Amino acid sequence: MVETLFETFGTGKRVMMLLESKSPYGGPQSLDGVCKNLKMNNRNARSILSRLFLKGKIDRVGIAVYRAKGDDREYDSSKPYYK
């Protein structure tokens, strides 16, 4: 059985926890990063990120790159993924 990051929470909460996380794989994320870290399909991740953005909970800082509202960390495309 494959362990999923923050698997006991709903999908929106899991995305927020990933974006707010101080762990090496957390913080600002690309769409692809969200998919890989949370083992989600692209369509589901896009939908959740879009809803969180429209609710004002996250900021879009680039093309398909997001971070939690108030987080000033820069996106790092070379950071590791959760395994």
PDB file of N, CA and C in Angstrom:
ATOM      1  N   MET A   1       0.836  -1.178   0.000  1.00  0.00           N
ATOM      2  CA  MET A   1       0.000   0.000   0.000  1.00  0.00           C
ATOM      3  C   MET A   1       0.884   1.245   0.000  1.00  0.00           C
ATOM      4  N   VAL A   2       0.565   2.202  -0.841  1.00  0.00           N
ATOM      5  CA  VAL A   2       1.345   3.430  -0.968  1.00  0.00           C
ATOM      6  C   VAL A   2       0.828   4.459   0.028  1.00  0.00           C
ATOM      7  N   GLU A   3       1.737   5.041   0.788  1.00  0.00           N
ATOM      8  CA  GLU A   3       1.364   6.085   1.742  1.00  0.00           C
ATOM      9  C   GLU A   3       1.164   7.392   0.986  1.00  0.00           C
ATOM     10  N   THR A   4       0.093   8.111   1.319  1.00  0.00           N
ATOM     11  CA  THR A   4      -0.207   9.382   0.694  1.00  0.00           C
ATOM     12  C   THR A   4      -0.044  10.488   1.716  1.00  0.00           C
ATOM     13  N   LEU A   5       0.575  11.583   1.313  1.00  0.00           N
ATOM     14  CA  LEU A   5       0.823  12.722   2.186  1.00  0.00           C
ATOM     15  C   LEU A   5      -0.490  13.323   2.673  1.00  0.00           C
ATOM     16  N   PHE A   6      -0.612  13.496   3.987  1.00  0.00           N
ATOM     17  CA  PHE A   6      -1.800  14.095   4.620  1.00  0.00           C
ATOM     18  C   PHE A   6      -3.089  13.371   4.235  1.00  0.00           C
ATOM     19  N   GLU A   7      -3.023  12.044   4.106  1.00  0.00           N
ATOM     20  CA  GLU A   7      -4.149  11.287   3.558  1.00  0.00           C
ATOM     21  C   GLU A   7      -5.423  11.319   4.397  1.00  0.00           C
ATOM     22  N   THR A   8      -5.356  11.702   5.656  1.00  0.00           N
ATOM     23  CA  THR A   8      -6.558  11.705   6.487  1.00  0.00           C
ATOM     24  C   THR A   8      -7.393  12.968   6.337  1.00  0.00           C
ATOM     25  N   PHE A   9      -6.933  13.917   5.525  1.00  0.00           N
ATOM     26  CA  PHE A   9      -7.652  15.177   5.338  1.00  0.00           C
ATOM     27  C   PHE A   9      -8.308  15.226   3.967  1.00  0.00           C
ATOM     28  N   GLY A  10      -9.250  16.153   3.790  1.00  0.00           N
ATOM     29  CA  GLY A  10      -9.875  16.378   2.493  1.00  0.00           C
ATOM     30  C   GLY A  10      -8.860  16.948   1.520  1.00  0.00           C
ATOM     31  N   THR A  11      -9.174  16.920   0.235  1.00  0.00           N
ATOM     32  CA  THR A  11      -8.202  17.327  -0.773  1.00  0.00           C
ATOM     33  C   THR A  11      -7.815  18.797  -0.687  1.00  0.00           C
ATOM     34  N   GLY A  12      -8.761  19.682  -0.451  1.00  0.00           N
ATOM     35  CA  GLY A  12      -8.436  21.099  -0.319  1.00  0.00           C
ATOM     36  C   GLY A  12      -7.524  21.359   0.863  1.00  0.00           C
ATOM     37  N   LYS A  13      -7.792  20.710   1.972  1.00  0.00           N
ATOM     38  CA  LYS A  13      -6.959  20.847   3.172  1.00  0.00           C
ATOM     39  C   LYS A  13      -5.561  20.277   2.909  1.00  0.00           C
ATOM     40  N   ARG A  14      -5.485  19.170   2.196  1.00  0.00           N
ATOM     41  CA  ARG A  14      -4.184  18.573   1.877  1.00  0.00           C
ATOM     42  C   ARG A  14      -3.335  19.533   1.041  1.00  0.00           C
ATOM     43  N   VAL A  15      -3.953  20.186   0.058  1.00  0.00           N
ATOM     44  CA  VAL A  15      -3.223  21.147  -0.774  1.00  0.00           C
ATOM     45  C   VAL A  15      -2.738  22.312   0.081  1.00  0.00           C
ATOM     46  N   MET A  16      -3.606  22.848   0.947  1.00  0.00           N
ATOM     47  CA  MET A  16      -3.206  23.963   1.811  1.00  0.00           C
ATOM     48  C   MET A  16      -2.073  23.559   2.747  1.00  0.00           C
ATOM     49  N   MET A  17      -2.147  22.368   3.306  1.00  0.00           N
ATOM     50  CA  MET A  17      -1.089  21.897   4.201  1.00  0.00           C
ATOM     51  C   MET A  17       0.240  21.777   3.453  1.00  0.00           C
ATOM     52  N   LEU A  18       0.205  21.318   2.213  1.00  0.00           N
ATOM     53  CA  LEU A  18       1.420  21.212   1.408  1.00  0.00           C
ATOM     54  C   LEU A  18       2.001  22.598   1.137  1.00  0.00           C
ATOM     55  N   LEU A  19       1.159  23.540   0.733  1.00  0.00           N
ATOM     56  CA  LEU A  19       1.629  24.890   0.420  1.00  0.00           C
ATOM     57  C   LEU A  19       2.166  25.620   1.646  1.00  0.00           C
ATOM     58  N   GLU A  20       1.608  25.327   2.815  1.00  0.00           N
ATOM     59  CA  GLU A  20       2.036  25.983   4.056  1.00  0.00           C
ATOM     60  C   GLU A  20       3.195  25.265   4.745  1.00  0.00           C
ATOM     61  N   SER A  21       3.480  24.038   4.330  1.00  0.00           N
ATOM     62  CA  SER A  21       4.483  23.210   4.986  1.00  0.00           C
ATOM     63  C   SER A  21       5.881  23.818   4.903  1.00  0.00           C
ATOM     64  N   LYS A  22       6.623  23.678   5.992  1.00  0.00           N
ATOM     65  CA  LYS A  22       8.023  24.128   6.045  1.00  0.00           C
ATOM     66  C   LYS A  22       8.983  22.991   5.699  1.00  0.00           C
ATOM     67  N   SER A  23       8.460  21.816   5.383  1.00  0.00           N
ATOM     68  CA  SER A  23       9.297  20.663   5.047  1.00  0.00           C
ATOM     69  C   SER A  23       9.998  20.905   3.704  1.00  0.00           C
ATOM     70  N   PRO A  24      11.030  20.129   3.394  1.00  0.00           N
ATOM     71  CA  PRO A  24      11.778  20.317   2.143  1.00  0.00           C
ATOM     72  C   PRO A  24      10.901  20.240   0.887  1.00  0.00           C
ATOM     73  N   TYR A  25       9.841  19.455   0.907  1.00  0.00           N
ATOM     74  CA  TYR A  25       8.975  19.306  -0.262  1.00  0.00           C
ATOM     75  C   TYR A  25       7.789  20.258  -0.222  1.00  0.00           C
ATOM     76  N   GLY A  26       7.630  21.032   0.837  1.00  0.00           N
ATOM     77  CA  GLY A  26       6.497  21.943   0.989  1.00  0.00           C
ATOM     78  C   GLY A  26       6.771  23.332   0.460  1.00  0.00           C
ATOM     79  N   GLY A  27       5.803  24.215   0.652  1.00  0.00           N
ATOM     80  CA  GLY A  27       5.938  25.601   0.217  1.00  0.00           C
ATOM     81  C   GLY A  27       5.338  25.811  -1.159  1.00  0.00           C
ATOM     82  N   PRO A  28       5.695  26.912  -1.822  1.00  0.00           N
ATOM     83  CA  PRO A  28       5.151  27.192  -3.154  1.00  0.00           C
ATOM     84  C   PRO A  28       5.347  26.001  -4.087  1.00  0.00           C
ATOM     85  N   GLN A  29       4.309  25.711  -4.864  1.00  0.00           N
ATOM     86  CA  GLN A  29       4.305  24.509  -5.692  1.00  0.00           C
ATOM     87  C   GLN A  29       3.813  24.802  -7.098  1.00  0.00           C
ATOM     88  N   SER A  30       4.339  24.048  -8.034  1.00  0.00           N
ATOM     89  CA  SER A  30       3.773  24.039  -9.379  1.00  0.00           C
ATOM     90  C   SER A  30       2.595  23.064  -9.371  1.00  0.00           C
ATOM     91  N   LEU A  31       1.794  23.130 -10.398  1.00  0.00           N
ATOM     92  CA  LEU A  31       0.701  22.173 -10.538  1.00  0.00           C
ATOM     93  C   LEU A  31       1.249  20.750 -10.531  1.00  0.00           C
ATOM     94  N   ASP A  32       2.332  20.535 -11.254  1.00  0.00           N
ATOM     95  CA  ASP A  32       2.966  19.218 -11.309  1.00  0.00           C
ATOM     96  C   ASP A  32       3.455  18.783  -9.925  1.00  0.00           C
ATOM     97  N   GLY A  33       3.996  19.723  -9.157  1.00  0.00           N
ATOM     98  CA  GLY A  33       4.470  19.422  -7.806  1.00  0.00           C
ATOM     99  C   GLY A  33       3.331  18.983  -6.900  1.00  0.00           C
ATOM    100  N   VAL A  34       2.190  19.659  -6.993  1.00  0.00           N
ATOM    101  CA  VAL A  34       1.023  19.271  -6.198  1.00  0.00           C
ATOM    102  C   VAL A  34       0.601  17.855  -6.574  1.00  0.00           C
ATOM    103  N   CYS A  35       0.552  17.580  -7.871  1.00  0.00           N
ATOM    104  CA  CYS A  35       0.156  16.243  -8.340  1.00  0.00           C
ATOM    105  C   CYS A  35       1.095  15.165  -7.813  1.00  0.00           C
ATOM    106  N   LYS A  36       2.394  15.394  -7.919  1.00  0.00           N
ATOM    107  CA  LYS A  36       3.370  14.393  -7.484  1.00  0.00           C
ATOM    108  C   LYS A  36       3.396  14.230  -5.969  1.00  0.00           C
ATOM    109  N   ASN A  37       3.387  15.335  -5.224  1.00  0.00           N
ATOM    110  CA  ASN A  37       3.464  15.259  -3.766  1.00  0.00           C
ATOM    111  C   ASN A  37       2.227  14.628  -3.147  1.00  0.00           C
ATOM    112  N   LEU A  38       1.065  14.940  -3.690  1.00  0.00           N
ATOM    113  CA  LEU A  38      -0.176  14.450  -3.093  1.00  0.00           C
ATOM    114  C   LEU A  38      -0.783  13.281  -3.861  1.00  0.00           C
ATOM    115  N   LYS A  39      -0.072  12.806  -4.881  1.00  0.00           N
ATOM    116  CA  LYS A  39      -0.543  11.678  -5.699  1.00  0.00           C
ATOM    117  C   LYS A  39      -1.974  11.915  -6.197  1.00  0.00           C
ATOM    118  N   MET A  40      -2.158  13.075  -6.827  1.00  0.00           N
ATOM    119  CA  MET A  40      -3.452  13.469  -7.386  1.00  0.00           C
ATOM    120  C   MET A  40      -3.330  13.511  -8.903  1.00  0.00           C
ATOM    121  N   ASN A  41      -4.448  13.367  -9.570  1.00  0.00           N
ATOM    122  CA  ASN A  41      -4.399  13.542 -11.019  1.00  0.00           C
ATOM    123  C   ASN A  41      -4.450  15.041 -11.343  1.00  0.00           C
ATOM    124  N   ASN A  42      -3.998  15.383 -12.527  1.00  0.00           N
ATOM    125  CA  ASN A  42      -3.865  16.782 -12.940  1.00  0.00           C
ATOM    126  C   ASN A  42      -5.204  17.523 -12.902  1.00  0.00           C
ATOM    127  N   ARG A  43      -6.233  16.906 -13.368  1.00  0.00           N
ATOM    128  CA  ARG A  43      -7.557  17.550 -13.429  1.00  0.00           C
ATOM    129  C   ARG A  43      -8.062  17.908 -12.031  1.00  0.00           C
ATOM    130  N   ASN A  44      -7.929  16.991 -11.097  1.00  0.00           N
ATOM    131  CA  ASN A  44      -8.369  17.223  -9.728  1.00  0.00           C
ATOM    132  C   ASN A  44      -7.552  18.350  -9.082  1.00  0.00           C
ATOM    133  N   ALA A  45      -6.233  18.313  -9.252  1.00  0.00           N
ATOM    134  CA  ALA A  45      -5.365  19.329  -8.664  1.00  0.00           C
ATOM    135  C   ALA A  45      -5.680  20.707  -9.245  1.00  0.00           C
ATOM    136  N   ARG A  46      -5.874  20.808 -10.555  1.00  0.00           N
ATOM    137  CA  ARG A  46      -6.207  22.095 -11.186  1.00  0.00           C
ATOM    138  C   ARG A  46      -7.505  22.651 -10.630  1.00  0.00           C
ATOM    139  N   SER A  47      -8.489  21.801 -10.455  1.00  0.00           N
ATOM    140  CA  SER A  47      -9.779  22.225  -9.931  1.00  0.00           C
ATOM    141  C   SER A  47      -9.651  22.764  -8.503  1.00  0.00           C
ATOM    142  N   ILE A  48      -8.930  22.048  -7.674  1.00  0.00           N
ATOM    143  CA  ILE A  48      -8.758  22.463  -6.278  1.00  0.00           C
ATOM    144  C   ILE A  48      -7.962  23.757  -6.193  1.00  0.00           C
ATOM    145  N   LEU A  49      -6.863  23.861  -6.942  1.00  0.00           N
ATOM    146  CA  LEU A  49      -6.062  25.080  -6.932  1.00  0.00           C
ATOM    147  C   LEU A  49      -6.877  26.275  -7.423  1.00  0.00           C
ATOM    148  N   SER A  50      -7.675  26.069  -8.438  1.00  0.00           N
ATOM    149  CA  SER A  50      -8.518  27.136  -8.959  1.00  0.00           C
ATOM    150  C   SER A  50      -9.518  27.619  -7.908  1.00  0.00           C
ATOM    151  N   ARG A  51     -10.159  26.680  -7.221  1.00  0.00           N
ATOM    152  CA  ARG A  51     -11.125  27.048  -6.175  1.00  0.00           C
ATOM    153  C   ARG A  51     -10.458  27.779  -5.015  1.00  0.00           C
ATOM    154  N   LEU A  52      -9.285  27.291  -4.598  1.00  0.00           N
ATOM    155  CA  LEU A  52      -8.563  27.949  -3.505  1.00  0.00           C
ATOM    156  C   LEU A  52      -8.129  29.359  -3.912  1.00  0.00           C
ATOM    157  N   PHE A  53      -7.738  29.537  -5.162  1.00  0.00           N
ATOM    158  CA  PHE A  53      -7.350  30.856  -5.668  1.00  0.00           C
ATOM    159  C   PHE A  53      -8.558  31.793  -5.680  1.00  0.00           C
ATOM    160  N   LEU A  54      -9.686  31.324  -6.185  1.00  0.00           N
ATOM    161  CA  LEU A  54     -10.888  32.159  -6.248  1.00  0.00           C
ATOM    162  C   LEU A  54     -11.406  32.528  -4.858  1.00  0.00           C
ATOM    163  N   LYS A  55     -11.186  31.660  -3.881  1.00  0.00           N
ATOM    164  CA  LYS A  55     -11.585  31.951  -2.494  1.00  0.00           C
ATOM    165  C   LYS A  55     -10.597  32.878  -1.797  1.00  0.00           C
ATOM    166  N   GLY A  56      -9.455  33.164  -2.443  1.00  0.00           N
ATOM    167  CA  GLY A  56      -8.459  34.055  -1.872  1.00  0.00           C
ATOM    168  C   GLY A  56      -7.544  33.400  -0.850  1.00  0.00           C
ATOM    169  N   LYS A  57      -7.470  32.078  -0.855  1.00  0.00           N
ATOM    170  CA  LYS A  57      -6.624  31.364   0.105  1.00  0.00           C
ATOM    171  C   LYS A  57      -5.197  31.177  -0.384  1.00  0.00           C
ATOM    172  N   ILE A  58      -5.003  31.231  -1.703  1.00  0.00           N
ATOM    173  CA  ILE A  58      -3.670  31.072  -2.273  1.00  0.00           C
ATOM    174  C   ILE A  58      -3.447  32.154  -3.326  1.00  0.00           C
ATOM    175  N   ASP A  59      -2.170  32.386  -3.642  1.00  0.00           N
ATOM    176  CA  ASP A  59      -1.785  33.319  -4.698  1.00  0.00           C
ATOM    177  C   ASP A  59      -1.220  32.545  -5.875  1.00  0.00           C
ATOM    178  N   ARG A  60      -1.468  33.054  -7.069  1.00  0.00           N
ATOM    179  CA  ARG A  60      -0.855  32.497  -8.278  1.00  0.00           C
ATOM    180  C   ARG A  60       0.375  33.356  -8.541  1.00  0.00           C
ATOM    181  N   VAL A  61       1.555  32.759  -8.509  1.00  0.00           N
ATOM    182  CA  VAL A  61       2.798  33.527  -8.640  1.00  0.00           C
ATOM    183  C   VAL A  61       3.509  33.284  -9.967  1.00  0.00           C
ATOM    184  N   GLY A  62       2.919  32.506 -10.822  1.00  0.00           N
ATOM    185  CA  GLY A  62       3.467  32.206 -12.141  1.00  0.00           C
ATOM    186  C   GLY A  62       2.488  31.314 -12.871  1.00  0.00           C
ATOM    187  N   ILE A  63       2.870  30.900 -14.056  1.00  0.00           N
ATOM    188  CA  ILE A  63       2.003  29.996 -14.811  1.00  0.00           C
ATOM    189  C   ILE A  63       1.980  28.656 -14.098  1.00  0.00           C
ATOM    190  N   ALA A  64       0.805  28.296 -13.576  1.00  0.00           N
ATOM    191  CA  ALA A  64       0.594  27.033 -12.844  1.00  0.00           C
ATOM    192  C   ALA A  64       1.514  26.905 -11.633  1.00  0.00           C
ATOM    193  N   VAL A  65       1.815  28.021 -10.960  1.00  0.00           N
ATOM    194  CA  VAL A  65       2.621  28.018  -9.741  1.00  0.00           C
ATOM    195  C   VAL A  65       1.855  28.783  -8.670  1.00  0.00           C
ATOM    196  N   TYR A  66       1.725  28.168  -7.490  1.00  0.00           N
ATOM    197  CA  TYR A  66       0.896  28.715  -6.421  1.00  0.00           C
ATOM    198  C   TYR A  66       1.637  28.706  -5.093  1.00  0.00           C
ATOM    199  N   ARG A  67       1.214  29.616  -4.199  1.00  0.00           N
ATOM    200  CA  ARG A  67       1.710  29.606  -2.826  1.00  0.00           C
ATOM    201  C   ARG A  67       0.594  30.088  -1.909  1.00  0.00           C
ATOM    202  N   ALA A  68       0.710  29.727  -0.652  1.00  0.00           N
ATOM    203  CA  ALA A  68      -0.286  30.110   0.347  1.00  0.00           C
ATOM    204  C   ALA A  68      -0.289  31.632   0.509  1.00  0.00           C
ATOM    205  N   LYS A  69      -1.447  32.188   0.751  1.00  0.00           N
ATOM    206  CA  LYS A  69      -1.591  33.631   0.960  1.00  0.00           C
ATOM    207  C   LYS A  69      -0.687  34.058   2.107  1.00  0.00           C
ATOM    208  N   GLY A  70       0.086  35.107   1.901  1.00  0.00           N
ATOM    209  CA  GLY A  70       0.971  35.622   2.936  1.00  0.00           C
ATOM    210  C   GLY A  70       2.335  34.966   3.001  1.00  0.00           C
ATOM    211  N   ASP A  71       2.548  33.911   2.230  1.00  0.00           N
ATOM    212  CA  ASP A  71       3.846  33.225   2.211  1.00  0.00           C
ATOM    213  C   ASP A  71       4.760  33.994   1.271  1.00  0.00           C
ATOM    214  N   ASP A  72       5.934  34.382   1.739  1.00  0.00           N
ATOM    215  CA  ASP A  72       6.837  35.156   0.895  1.00  0.00           C
ATOM    216  C   ASP A  72       7.972  34.315   0.298  1.00  0.00           C
ATOM    217  N   ARG A  73       7.929  33.003   0.503  1.00  0.00           N
ATOM    218  CA  ARG A  73       8.960  32.135  -0.074  1.00  0.00           C
ATOM    219  C   ARG A  73       8.822  32.093  -1.591  1.00  0.00           C
ATOM    220  N   GLU A  74       9.957  31.990  -2.250  1.00  0.00           N
ATOM    221  CA  GLU A  74       9.986  31.876  -3.708  1.00  0.00           C
ATOM    222  C   GLU A  74       9.809  30.411  -4.111  1.00  0.00           C
ATOM    223  N   TYR A  75       9.251  30.209  -5.288  1.00  0.00           N
ATOM    224  CA  TYR A  75       9.105  28.860  -5.832  1.00  0.00           C
ATOM    225  C   TYR A  75      10.472  28.329  -6.240  1.00  0.00           C
ATOM    226  N   ASP A  76      10.755  27.099  -5.867  1.00  0.00           N
ATOM    227  CA  ASP A  76      12.023  26.456  -6.204  1.00  0.00           C
ATOM    228  C   ASP A  76      11.712  25.174  -6.976  1.00  0.00           C
ATOM    229  N   SER A  77      11.966  25.202  -8.265  1.00  0.00           N
ATOM    230  CA  SER A  77      11.635  24.045  -9.102  1.00  0.00           C
ATOM    231  C   SER A  77      12.535  22.839  -8.849  1.00  0.00           C
ATOM    232  N   SER A  78      13.619  23.020  -8.098  1.00  0.00           N
ATOM    233  CA  SER A  78      14.538  21.908  -7.859  1.00  0.00           C
ATOM    234  C   SER A  78      14.304  21.196  -6.528  1.00  0.00           C
ATOM    235  N   LYS A  79      13.270  21.587  -5.784  1.00  0.00           N
ATOM    236  CA  LYS A  79      13.064  20.935  -4.489  1.00  0.00           C
ATOM    237  C   LYS A  79      12.564  19.505  -4.660  1.00  0.00           C
ATOM    238  N   PRO A  80      12.816  18.675  -3.666  1.00  0.00           N
ATOM    239  CA  PRO A  80      12.442  17.259  -3.759  1.00  0.00           C
ATOM    240  C   PRO A  80      10.927  17.071  -3.624  1.00  0.00           C
ATOM    241  N   TYR A  81      10.466  15.916  -4.061  1.00  0.00           N
ATOM    242  CA  TYR A  81       9.057  15.539  -3.909  1.00  0.00           C
ATOM    243  C   TYR A  81       8.928  14.555  -2.747  1.00  0.00           C
ATOM    244  N   TYR A  82       7.733  14.539  -2.161  1.00  0.00           N
ATOM    245  CA  TYR A  82       7.433  13.578  -1.100  1.00  0.00           C
ATOM    246  C   TYR A  82       7.408  12.182  -1.712  1.00  0.00           C
ATOM    247  N   LYS A  83       8.033  11.216  -1.021  1.00  0.00           N
ATOM    248  CA  LYS A  83       8.046   9.843  -1.547  1.00  0.00           C
ATOM    249  C   LYS A  83       7.320   8.909  -0.629  1.00  0.00           C
TER     250      LYS A  83
END
